[in-house]
Each structure stands twice: as structure tokens, then as C-alpha cells.
C-alpha atoms as a PDB file:
ATOM      1  CA  UNK A   1      16.323 -14.842  22.334  1.00  0.00           C
ATOM      2  CA  UNK A   2      13.440 -15.363  19.880  1.00  0.00           C
ATOM      3  CA  UNK A   3      11.542 -12.142  19.166  1.00  0.00           C
ATOM      4  CA  UNK A   4       8.706 -11.004  16.913  1.00  0.00           C
ATOM      5  CA  UNK A   5       9.232  -7.726  15.088  1.00  0.00           C
ATOM      6  CA  UNK A   6       5.988  -5.989  14.138  1.00  0.00           C
ATOM      7  CA  UNK A   7       6.933  -4.659  10.696  1.00  0.00           C
ATOM      8  CA  UNK A   8       4.716  -1.883   9.339  1.00  0.00           C
ATOM      9  CA  UNK A   9       6.681  -1.405   6.148  1.00  0.00           C
ATOM     10  CA  UNK A  10       8.245   1.793   7.452  1.00  0.00           C
ATOM     11  CA  UNK A  11      11.765   2.751   8.418  1.00  0.00           C
ATOM     12  CA  UNK A  12      11.360   2.561  12.210  1.00  0.00           C
ATOM     13  CA  UNK A  13      10.227  -1.054  12.324  1.00  0.00           C
ATOM     14  CA  UNK A  14      12.798  -2.050   9.685  1.00  0.00           C
ATOM     15  CA  UNK A  15      15.615  -0.546  11.756  1.00  0.00           C
ATOM     16  CA  UNK A  16      14.291  -2.177  14.936  1.00  0.00           C
ATOM     17  CA  UNK A  17      14.274  -5.592  13.228  1.00  0.00           C
ATOM     18  CA  UNK A  18      17.771  -5.034  11.825  1.00  0.00           C
ATOM     19  CA  UNK A  19      19.121  -4.035  15.230  1.00  0.00           C
ATOM     20  CA  UNK A  20      17.658  -7.158  16.812  1.00  0.00           C
ATOM     21  CA  UNK A  21      19.268  -9.317  14.107  1.00  0.00           C
ATOM     22  CA  UNK A  22      22.589  -7.518  14.628  1.00  0.00           C
ATOM     23  CA  UNK A  23      22.297  -8.186  18.372  1.00  0.00           C
ATOM     24  CA  UNK A  24      22.098 -11.907  17.625  1.00  0.00           C
ATOM     25  CA  UNK A  25      18.414 -12.500  18.301  1.00  0.00           C
ATOM     26  CA  UNK A  26      16.287 -14.972  16.354  1.00  0.00           C
ATOM     27  CA  UNK A  27      13.858 -12.539  14.698  1.00  0.00           C
ATOM     28  CA  UNK A  28      10.533 -13.258  13.008  1.00  0.00           C
ATOM     29  CA  UNK A  29       8.861 -10.406  11.112  1.00  0.00           C
ATOM     30  CA  UNK A  30       5.084  -9.959  11.225  1.00  0.00           C
ATOM     31  CA  UNK A  31       2.909  -7.471   9.333  1.00  0.00           C
ATOM     32  CA  UNK A  32      -0.696  -6.897  10.429  1.00  0.00           C
ATOM     33  CA  UNK A  33      -3.018  -6.571   7.431  1.00  0.00           C
ATOM     34  CA  UNK A  34      -5.815  -4.274   8.600  1.00  0.00           C
ATOM     35  CA  UNK A  35      -7.537  -3.458   5.323  1.00  0.00           C
ATOM     36  CA  UNK A  36     -10.818  -5.103   4.346  1.00  0.00           C
ATOM     37  CA  UNK A  37     -10.050  -4.389   0.687  1.00  0.00           C
ATOM     38  CA  UNK A  38      -7.161  -6.530  -0.549  1.00  0.00           C
ATOM     39  CA  UNK A  39      -6.577  -4.117  -3.447  1.00  0.00           C
ATOM     40  CA  UNK A  40      -6.012  -1.114  -1.168  1.00  0.00           C
ATOM     41  CA  UNK A  41      -2.832   0.817  -1.918  1.00  0.00           C
ATOM     42  CA  UNK A  42      -1.717   4.016  -0.284  1.00  0.00           C
ATOM     43  CA  UNK A  43      -1.565   7.065  -2.521  1.00  0.00           C
ATOM     44  CA  UNK A  44       0.938   9.141  -0.601  1.00  0.00           C
ATOM     45  CA  UNK A  45       4.216   8.693   1.226  1.00  0.00           C
ATOM     46  CA  UNK A  46       2.344   8.233   4.505  1.00  0.00           C
ATOM     47  CA  UNK A  47       0.344   5.141   5.254  1.00  0.00           C
ATOM     48  CA  UNK A  48       0.197   1.870   7.091  1.00  0.00           C
ATOM     49  CA  UNK A  49      -1.040  -1.620   6.779  1.00  0.00           C
ATOM     50  CA  UNK A  50      -1.696  -1.833   3.035  1.00  0.00           C
ATOM     51  CA  UNK A  51      -0.536  -4.360   0.454  1.00  0.00           C
ATOM     52  CA  UNK A  52       2.234  -1.967  -0.550  1.00  0.00           C
ATOM     53  CA  UNK A  53       3.394  -1.673   3.060  1.00  0.00           C
ATOM     54  CA  UNK A  54       3.394  -5.464   3.462  1.00  0.00           C
ATOM     55  CA  UNK A  55       5.585  -5.691   0.346  1.00  0.00           C
ATOM     56  CA  UNK A  56       8.008  -3.150   1.788  1.00  0.00           C
ATOM     57  CA  UNK A  57       8.217  -5.088   5.050  1.00  0.00           C
ATOM     58  CA  UNK A  58       8.711  -8.386   3.186  1.00  0.00           C
ATOM     59  CA  UNK A  59      11.619  -6.918   1.194  1.00  0.00           C
ATOM     60  CA  UNK A  60      13.312  -5.808   4.430  1.00  0.00           C
ATOM     61  CA  UNK A  61      12.754  -9.221   6.015  1.00  0.00           C
ATOM     62  CA  UNK A  62      14.268 -10.875   2.935  1.00  0.00           C
ATOM     63  CA  UNK A  63      17.305  -8.583   3.120  1.00  0.00           C
ATOM     64  CA  UNK A  64      17.703  -9.422   6.817  1.00  0.00           C
ATOM     65  CA  UNK A  65      17.267 -13.137   6.161  1.00  0.00           C
ATOM     66  CA  UNK A  66      14.396 -13.523   8.623  1.00  0.00           C
ATOM     67  CA  UNK A  67      11.069 -15.340   8.277  1.00  0.00           C
ATOM     68  CA  UNK A  68       8.138 -13.041   7.504  1.00  0.00           C
ATOM     69  CA  UNK A  69       4.392 -13.497   7.922  1.00  0.00           C
ATOM     70  CA  UNK A  70       1.332 -11.392   7.167  1.00  0.00           C
ATOM     71  CA  UNK A  71      -1.439 -11.819   9.712  1.00  0.00           C
ATOM     72  CA  UNK A  72      -4.898 -10.938   8.362  1.00  0.00           C
ATOM     73  CA  UNK A  73      -6.437  -8.960  11.202  1.00  0.00           C
ATOM     74  CA  UNK A  74      -8.916  -6.988   9.048  1.00  0.00           C
ATOM     75  CA  UNK A  75     -12.110  -8.426  10.526  1.00  0.00           C
ATOM     76  CA  UNK A  76     -10.884  -8.146  14.115  1.00  0.00           C
ATOM     77  CA  UNK A  77      -9.644  -4.583  13.520  1.00  0.00           C
ATOM     78  CA  UNK A  78     -13.005  -3.600  12.040  1.00  0.00           C
ATOM     79  CA  UNK A  79     -14.942  -5.092  14.965  1.00  0.00           C
ATOM     80  CA  UNK A  80     -12.701  -4.059  17.861  1.00  0.00           C
ATOM     81  CA  UNK A  81     -11.475  -0.697  16.631  1.00  0.00           C
ATOM     82  CA  UNK A  82     -13.481   0.814  13.763  1.00  0.00           C
ATOM     83  CA  UNK A  83     -16.974  -0.172  14.897  1.00  0.00           C
ATOM     84  CA  UNK A  84     -16.169   0.556  18.535  1.00  0.00           C
ATOM     85  CA  UNK A  85     -14.902   4.012  17.561  1.00  0.00           C
END
């Protein structure tokens, strides 16, 4: 089965992708870039959806041998989530 693994750069999504690979699925990793500022980096151990997180997710995808894509959803996130909030 072909599946998309939403990879945040954290442990949970990395393990989920690895388990799908181990189960024999054709896995594609995707990271959603939600930051308007391309230079944004998190400053603590907690965070999501920054350049640093995308790099973490890419390293996991490389280790798993799966394709990996970053989808730039910053404008849509700002319109549909931030402004609506």
C-alpha cells in the first residue's frame, strides 16, 4: 500500500513512518512548512513546523530510504487558521 507519512520532525511521526516501512508499505514523507519566515528556528526542545524540524524529518526519511517533500502551506495556514482564529 502507498501511504503518506506526515513528518513533523518529532519522534512520534518518525516512528510511525518507520513502522509503515517495516510493514512493507511504500511510504512517502511530507513535512508541512507553516512559517511565513523562512529563517524561523525554534529556540527550545519543543516546536513544530520550522526549518530545523523539516531538517530533522528529512534526516529520518533519508535513514528510512523514503522520498521526502516539504509542502509550503504558510499562506494557507495564515489565512485559514491564524487569521480565522
